[in-house]
Amino acid sequence: GGKPEEVRALEHELRMVKMEHQEAMGLIGDFEASNGRWALENGQLRSELRVSYNNIGTSLKKGGEVVKALQMYEKALSLLGNLTAESPPEQLLEAAPILINVGSAHLAIGQPEEAAPNFQRALDIRREHLGEENKLTVAAAKWLAKCTDA
């Protein structure tokens, strides 16, 4: 007797599909379980990258490579994601010094009109979250004043 070859083949295929499905579901479960940790690590990585890009930009600017420095600052800013008024204050405050770096790079290559909006944004962020008297707010205001002098 025994089952026809075709039936056995189909049963085997069904078992394989079930196993693959279970394995896939297991992997998805593992991924979801570790995803919180992954997001944390990813956030940490983004933060380290942001600091690195900003520092590289500053080194390049000191070496006179202002255009390359600007690219690094822009990359650093992009790692903070889309900044809006609803963004967390710490995220906005992390953006402020990078915005000032972008502005100062534009000033260095004689583009005060490109620099001003960056300084203004940094100033607005610091005014709102640190207050008018804070030395960082005052520094941003001084940078902005350089644009009108230029």
C-alpha atoms as a PDB file:
ATOM      1  CA  GLY A   1       0.000   0.000   0.000  1.00  0.00           C
ATOM      2  CA  GLY A   2       1.401   3.324   1.228  1.00  0.00           C
ATOM      3  CA  LYS A   3       0.586   6.793   0.020  1.00  0.00           C
ATOM      4  CA  PRO A   4       1.083   7.864  -3.571  1.00  0.00           C
ATOM      5  CA  GLU A   5       4.402   9.593  -4.190  1.00  0.00           C
ATOM      6  CA  GLU A   6       2.652  12.889  -5.015  1.00  0.00           C
ATOM      7  CA  VAL A   7       0.805  12.998  -1.667  1.00  0.00           C
ATOM      8  CA  ARG A   8       4.000  12.295   0.278  1.00  0.00           C
ATOM      9  CA  ALA A   9       5.763  15.048  -1.640  1.00  0.00           C
ATOM     10  CA  LEU A  10       2.971  17.523  -0.858  1.00  0.00           C
ATOM     11  CA  GLU A  11       2.922  16.592   2.844  1.00  0.00           C
ATOM     12  CA  HIS A  12       6.669  17.072   3.005  1.00  0.00           C
ATOM     13  CA  GLU A  13       6.345  20.472   1.311  1.00  0.00           C
ATOM     14  CA  LEU A  14       3.607  21.475   3.755  1.00  0.00           C
ATOM     15  CA  ARG A  15       5.803  20.510   6.733  1.00  0.00           C
ATOM     16  CA  MET A  16       8.672  22.533   5.284  1.00  0.00           C
ATOM     17  CA  VAL A  17       6.459  25.572   4.755  1.00  0.00           C
ATOM     18  CA  LYS A  18       5.148  25.302   8.338  1.00  0.00           C
ATOM     19  CA  MET A  19       8.705  25.100   9.666  1.00  0.00           C
ATOM     20  CA  GLU A  20       9.813  28.070   7.596  1.00  0.00           C
ATOM     21  CA  HIS A  21       6.803  30.038   8.764  1.00  0.00           C
ATOM     22  CA  GLN A  22       7.555  29.235  12.416  1.00  0.00           C
ATOM     23  CA  GLU A  23      11.164  30.174  11.920  1.00  0.00           C
ATOM     24  CA  ALA A  24      10.148  33.422  10.258  1.00  0.00           C
ATOM     25  CA  MET A  25       7.704  34.218  13.074  1.00  0.00           C
ATOM     26  CA  GLY A  26      10.419  33.421  15.598  1.00  0.00           C
ATOM     27  CA  LEU A  27      12.824  35.761  13.848  1.00  0.00           C
ATOM     28  CA  ILE A  28      10.224  38.525  13.769  1.00  0.00           C
ATOM     29  CA  GLY A  29       9.595  37.988  17.478  1.00  0.00           C
ATOM     30  CA  ASP A  30      13.321  38.156  18.225  1.00  0.00           C
ATOM     31  CA  PHE A  31      13.634  41.274  16.121  1.00  0.00           C
ATOM     32  CA  GLU A  32      10.762  42.996  17.910  1.00  0.00           C
ATOM     33  CA  ALA A  33      12.154  42.006  21.292  1.00  0.00           C
ATOM     34  CA  SER A  34      15.585  43.376  20.456  1.00  0.00           C
ATOM     35  CA  ASN A  35      14.243  46.355  18.540  1.00  0.00           C
ATOM     36  CA  GLY A  36      14.045  48.576  21.609  1.00  0.00           C
ATOM     37  CA  ARG A  37      17.690  47.863  22.320  1.00  0.00           C
ATOM     38  CA  TRP A  38      18.563  48.290  18.653  1.00  0.00           C
ATOM     39  CA  ALA A  39      16.866  51.686  18.536  1.00  0.00           C
ATOM     40  CA  LEU A  40      18.813  52.717  21.620  1.00  0.00           C
ATOM     41  CA  GLU A  41      22.100  51.572  20.107  1.00  0.00           C
ATOM     42  CA  ASN A  42      21.164  53.225  16.843  1.00  0.00           C
ATOM     43  CA  GLY A  43      20.411  56.458  18.697  1.00  0.00           C
ATOM     44  CA  GLN A  44      23.793  56.207  20.390  1.00  0.00           C
ATOM     45  CA  LEU A  45      25.461  55.554  17.054  1.00  0.00           C
ATOM     46  CA  ARG A  46      23.714  58.526  15.455  1.00  0.00           C
ATOM     47  CA  SER A  47      24.833  60.690  18.354  1.00  0.00           C
ATOM     48  CA  GLU A  48      28.468  59.576  18.028  1.00  0.00           C
ATOM     49  CA  LEU A  49      28.365  60.101  14.268  1.00  0.00           C
ATOM     50  CA  ARG A  50      26.874  63.567  14.712  1.00  0.00           C
ATOM     51  CA  VAL A  51      29.666  64.580  17.096  1.00  0.00           C
ATOM     52  CA  SER A  52      32.288  63.117  14.744  1.00  0.00           C
ATOM     53  CA  TYR A  53      30.951  64.922  11.667  1.00  0.00           C
ATOM     54  CA  ASN A  54      30.798  68.179  13.614  1.00  0.00           C
ATOM     55  CA  ASN A  55      34.388  67.755  14.857  1.00  0.00           C
ATOM     56  CA  ILE A  56      35.677  66.823  11.401  1.00  0.00           C
ATOM     57  CA  GLY A  57      33.919  69.914  10.045  1.00  0.00           C
ATOM     58  CA  THR A  58      35.668  72.091  12.604  1.00  0.00           C
ATOM     59  CA  SER A  59      39.082  70.598  11.725  1.00  0.00           C
ATOM     60  CA  LEU A  60      38.447  71.128   8.014  1.00  0.00           C
ATOM     61  CA  LYS A  61      37.356  74.719   8.600  1.00  0.00           C
ATOM     62  CA  LYS A  62      40.534  75.428  10.593  1.00  0.00           C
ATOM     63  CA  GLY A  63      42.511  73.969   7.689  1.00  0.00           C
ATOM     64  CA  GLY A  64      40.774  76.324   5.282  1.00  0.00           C
ATOM     65  CA  GLU A  65      38.589  73.604   3.706  1.00  0.00           C
ATOM     66  CA  VAL A  66      35.390  75.531   4.396  1.00  0.00           C
ATOM     67  CA  VAL A  67      33.211  73.985   1.682  1.00  0.00           C
ATOM     68  CA  LYS A  68      34.077  70.463   2.869  1.00  0.00           C
ATOM     69  CA  ALA A  69      33.493  71.610   6.443  1.00  0.00           C
ATOM     70  CA  LEU A  70      29.995  72.775   5.469  1.00  0.00           C
ATOM     71  CA  GLN A  71      29.233  69.318   4.061  1.00  0.00           C
ATOM     72  CA  MET A  72      30.271  67.742   7.366  1.00  0.00           C
ATOM     73  CA  TYR A  73      28.139  70.168   9.386  1.00  0.00           C
ATOM     74  CA  GLU A  74      25.161  69.457   7.124  1.00  0.00           C
ATOM     75  CA  LYS A  75      25.651  65.712   7.699  1.00  0.00           C
ATOM     76  CA  ALA A  76      25.829  66.295  11.446  1.00  0.00           C
ATOM     77  CA  LEU A  77      22.570  68.260  11.301  1.00  0.00           C
ATOM     78  CA  SER A  78      20.836  65.641   9.171  1.00  0.00           C
ATOM     79  CA  LEU A  79      21.564  63.025  11.855  1.00  0.00           C
ATOM     80  CA  LEU A  80      19.352  64.991  14.244  1.00  0.00           C
ATOM     81  CA  GLY A  81      16.440  64.328  11.927  1.00  0.00           C
ATOM     82  CA  ASN A  82      13.755  66.797  10.965  1.00  0.00           C
ATOM     83  CA  LEU A  83      13.853  69.652  13.464  1.00  0.00           C
ATOM     84  CA  THR A  84      10.557  71.346  14.200  1.00  0.00           C
ATOM     85  CA  ALA A  85       9.155  73.469  17.024  1.00  0.00           C
ATOM     86  CA  GLU A  86       7.750  70.170  18.401  1.00  0.00           C
ATOM     87  CA  SER A  87      11.165  68.487  18.538  1.00  0.00           C
ATOM     88  CA  PRO A  88      12.442  67.671  22.057  1.00  0.00           C
ATOM     89  CA  PRO A  89      14.387  70.591  23.599  1.00  0.00           C
ATOM     90  CA  GLU A  90      17.562  68.510  24.006  1.00  0.00           C
ATOM     91  CA  GLN A  91      17.499  67.717  20.276  1.00  0.00           C
ATOM     92  CA  LEU A  92      17.073  71.398  19.402  1.00  0.00           C
ATOM     93  CA  LEU A  93      19.831  72.397  21.828  1.00  0.00           C
ATOM     94  CA  GLU A  94      22.149  69.827  20.219  1.00  0.00           C
ATOM     95  CA  ALA A  95      21.367  71.383  16.842  1.00  0.00           C
ATOM     96  CA  ALA A  96      22.158  74.954  17.941  1.00  0.00           C
ATOM     97  CA  PRO A  97      26.000  74.724  17.990  1.00  0.00           C
ATOM     98  CA  ILE A  98      25.962  72.890  14.650  1.00  0.00           C
ATOM     99  CA  LEU A  99      23.742  75.625  13.185  1.00  0.00           C
ATOM    100  CA  ILE A 100      26.279  78.170  14.449  1.00  0.00           C
ATOM    101  CA  ASN A 101      29.082  76.187  12.811  1.00  0.00           C
ATOM    102  CA  VAL A 102      27.150  76.178   9.521  1.00  0.00           C
ATOM    103  CA  GLY A 103      26.656  79.932   9.844  1.00  0.00           C
ATOM    104  CA  SER A 104      30.280  80.631  10.712  1.00  0.00           C
ATOM    105  CA  ALA A 105      31.443  78.562   7.722  1.00  0.00           C
ATOM    106  CA  HIS A 106      29.190  80.615   5.422  1.00  0.00           C
ATOM    107  CA  LEU A 107      30.587  83.805   6.974  1.00  0.00           C
ATOM    108  CA  ALA A 108      34.137  82.555   6.415  1.00  0.00           C
ATOM    109  CA  ILE A 109      33.492  82.281   2.668  1.00  0.00           C
ATOM    110  CA  GLY A 110      31.759  85.643   2.480  1.00  0.00           C
ATOM    111  CA  GLN A 111      28.118  84.508   2.490  1.00  0.00           C
ATOM    112  CA  PRO A 112      26.467  86.480   5.317  1.00  0.00           C
ATOM    113  CA  GLU A 113      23.030  86.041   3.734  1.00  0.00           C
ATOM    114  CA  GLU A 114      23.446  82.248   3.957  1.00  0.00           C
ATOM    115  CA  ALA A 115      24.840  82.492   7.476  1.00  0.00           C
ATOM    116  CA  ALA A 116      22.113  84.644   9.031  1.00  0.00           C
ATOM    117  CA  PRO A 117      19.205  82.123   9.032  1.00  0.00           C
ATOM    118  CA  ASN A 118      21.425  79.539  10.764  1.00  0.00           C
ATOM    119  CA  PHE A 119      22.444  81.983  13.492  1.00  0.00           C
ATOM    120  CA  GLN A 120      18.840  83.147  13.817  1.00  0.00           C
ATOM    121  CA  ARG A 121      17.599  79.589  14.290  1.00  0.00           C
ATOM    122  CA  ALA A 122      20.282  78.863  16.896  1.00  0.00           C
ATOM    123  CA  LEU A 123      19.398  82.115  18.671  1.00  0.00           C
ATOM    124  CA  ASP A 124      15.662  81.305  18.670  1.00  0.00           C
ATOM    125  CA  ILE A 125      16.320  77.815  20.072  1.00  0.00           C
ATOM    126  CA  ARG A 126      18.596  79.126  22.824  1.00  0.00           C
ATOM    127  CA  ARG A 127      16.294  82.024  23.724  1.00  0.00           C
ATOM    128  CA  GLU A 128      13.391  79.650  24.128  1.00  0.00           C
ATOM    129  CA  HIS A 129      15.164  76.871  26.011  1.00  0.00           C
ATOM    130  CA  LEU A 130      18.022  78.626  27.840  1.00  0.00           C
ATOM    131  CA  GLY A 131      16.724  82.175  28.250  1.00  0.00           C
ATOM    132  CA  GLU A 132      17.907  85.572  27.064  1.00  0.00           C
ATOM    133  CA  GLU A 133      20.687  85.952  29.671  1.00  0.00           C
ATOM    134  CA  ASN A 134      22.383  82.620  29.040  1.00  0.00           C
ATOM    135  CA  LYS A 135      25.927  83.026  27.698  1.00  0.00           C
ATOM    136  CA  LEU A 136      25.181  80.633  24.828  1.00  0.00           C
ATOM    137  CA  THR A 137      22.176  82.746  23.824  1.00  0.00           C
ATOM    138  CA  VAL A 138      24.347  85.874  23.971  1.00  0.00           C
ATOM    139  CA  ALA A 139      26.996  84.151  21.807  1.00  0.00           C
ATOM    140  CA  ALA A 140      24.381  83.269  19.162  1.00  0.00           C
ATOM    141  CA  ALA A 141      23.190  86.891  19.138  1.00  0.00           C
ATOM    142  CA  LYS A 142      26.789  88.094  18.602  1.00  0.00           C
ATOM    143  CA  TRP A 143      27.181  85.717  15.649  1.00  0.00           C
ATOM    144  CA  LEU A 144      23.956  87.024  14.132  1.00  0.00           C
ATOM    145  CA  ALA A 145      25.157  90.624  14.565  1.00  0.00           C
ATOM    146  CA  LYS A 146      28.283  89.758  12.526  1.00  0.00           C
ATOM    147  CA  CYS A 147      26.040  89.115   9.514  1.00  0.00           C
ATOM    148  CA  THR A 148      24.690  92.647   9.527  1.00  0.00           C
ATOM    149  CA  ASP A 149      28.214  94.024   9.969  1.00  0.00           C
ATOM    150  CA  ALA A 150      29.564  91.966   7.069  1.00  0.00           C
END
